[in-house]
Amino acid sequence: MAVDHECFDDQKEMAVADIVVQCPRTGTPVPTGLKSEWVFLRSLPRVAIPLRCPACGQTHRWHPQEAWIAAPVQPHTPNLVTGA
């Protein structure tokens, strides 16, 4: 069985983005711990998912329809001039 390496190469280049929800106490967007690379937001079951909130320290329950995908984090490419 042949493996399509092009498919894997395309996945490596995808930007990773956090799936976030809003803290009901502070209004702060907080990451759920899930990444858009790992799951499709629409594929999550429509059930309450517990989250230990980094903004207020409480445990909240969120539903996938309340979440959104944050701006993707671009992989760091070293600057050839500065090396940073």
Protein backbone atom coordinates (compact mmCIF):
# COMPACT_ATOMS: atom_id res chain seq x y z
CA MET A 1 0.00 0.00 0.00
CA ALA A 2 1.53 3.31 -1.09
CA VAL A 3 1.59 6.31 1.25
CA ASP A 4 0.81 9.74 -0.17
CA HIS A 5 3.62 11.85 1.30
CA GLU A 6 2.27 15.03 -0.31
CA CYS A 7 -0.74 14.82 1.99
CA PHE A 8 1.55 14.67 5.06
CA ASP A 9 3.70 17.55 3.79
CA ASP A 10 0.62 19.76 3.38
CA GLN A 11 -0.45 19.04 6.96
CA LYS A 12 2.97 20.03 8.34
CA GLU A 13 2.65 23.47 6.76
CA MET A 14 -0.79 24.20 8.22
CA ALA A 15 -0.85 26.92 10.86
CA VAL A 16 -2.02 25.80 14.29
CA ALA A 17 -4.74 27.85 15.97
CA ASP A 18 -6.29 27.62 19.43
CA ILE A 19 -9.98 26.94 19.87
CA VAL A 20 -11.11 29.54 22.41
CA VAL A 21 -14.19 30.44 24.44
CA GLN A 22 -15.09 33.50 26.47
CA CYS A 23 -14.77 33.32 30.26
CA PRO A 24 -18.27 34.09 31.58
CA ARG A 25 -16.82 35.77 34.65
CA THR A 26 -14.16 38.06 33.13
CA GLY A 27 -15.14 38.16 29.45
CA THR A 28 -11.58 37.18 28.54
CA PRO A 29 -11.04 34.83 25.59
CA VAL A 30 -9.40 31.67 26.96
CA PRO A 31 -7.93 28.68 25.12
CA THR A 32 -9.77 25.38 25.53
CA GLY A 33 -6.62 23.32 25.15
CA LEU A 34 -7.77 22.11 21.75
CA LYS A 35 -6.05 23.12 18.53
CA SER A 36 -7.71 23.50 15.15
CA GLU A 37 -5.09 21.13 13.75
CA TRP A 38 -6.32 18.35 16.07
CA VAL A 39 -10.07 18.71 15.72
CA PHE A 40 -12.62 20.28 13.50
CA LEU A 41 -14.78 22.52 15.65
CA ARG A 42 -17.96 21.34 13.95
CA SER A 43 -17.05 17.70 14.62
CA LEU A 44 -17.19 18.12 18.41
CA PRO A 45 -20.30 16.68 20.06
CA ARG A 46 -22.90 19.24 21.12
CA VAL A 47 -22.38 18.58 24.83
CA ALA A 48 -20.98 20.71 27.64
CA ILE A 49 -17.20 20.33 27.94
CA PRO A 50 -15.53 21.24 31.27
CA LEU A 51 -12.66 23.73 31.25
CA ARG A 52 -10.46 24.93 34.10
CA CYS A 53 -10.38 28.63 33.24
CA PRO A 54 -6.93 30.26 33.26
CA ALA A 55 -8.55 33.72 33.47
CA CYS A 56 -10.49 33.25 36.73
CA GLY A 57 -9.50 29.82 38.08
CA GLN A 58 -13.04 28.42 38.07
CA THR A 59 -14.33 25.44 36.13
CA HIS A 60 -16.72 26.39 33.33
CA ARG A 61 -18.67 24.23 30.92
CA TRP A 62 -18.62 25.32 27.30
CA HIS A 63 -20.40 24.11 24.19
CA PRO A 64 -18.72 23.89 20.77
CA GLN A 65 -21.22 26.38 19.29
CA GLU A 66 -19.88 29.01 21.79
CA ALA A 67 -16.27 28.56 20.66
CA TRP A 68 -14.27 30.12 17.87
CA ILE A 69 -10.86 29.66 16.32
CA ALA A 70 -8.25 32.23 17.31
CA ALA A 71 -5.78 33.70 14.84
CA PRO A 72 -3.34 30.93 13.87
CA VAL A 73 0.14 30.89 15.35
CA GLN A 74 2.60 31.01 12.50
CA PRO A 75 5.65 28.76 12.76
CA HIS A 76 8.74 30.79 13.70
CA THR A 77 11.11 31.24 10.79
CA PRO A 78 14.55 32.51 11.78
CA ASN A 79 15.50 35.89 10.37
CA LEU A 80 18.48 35.28 8.11
CA VAL A 81 19.92 38.73 8.86
CA THR A 82 19.64 38.77 12.67
CA GLY A 83 19.41 35.01 13.32
CA ALA A 84 16.44 35.61 15.66
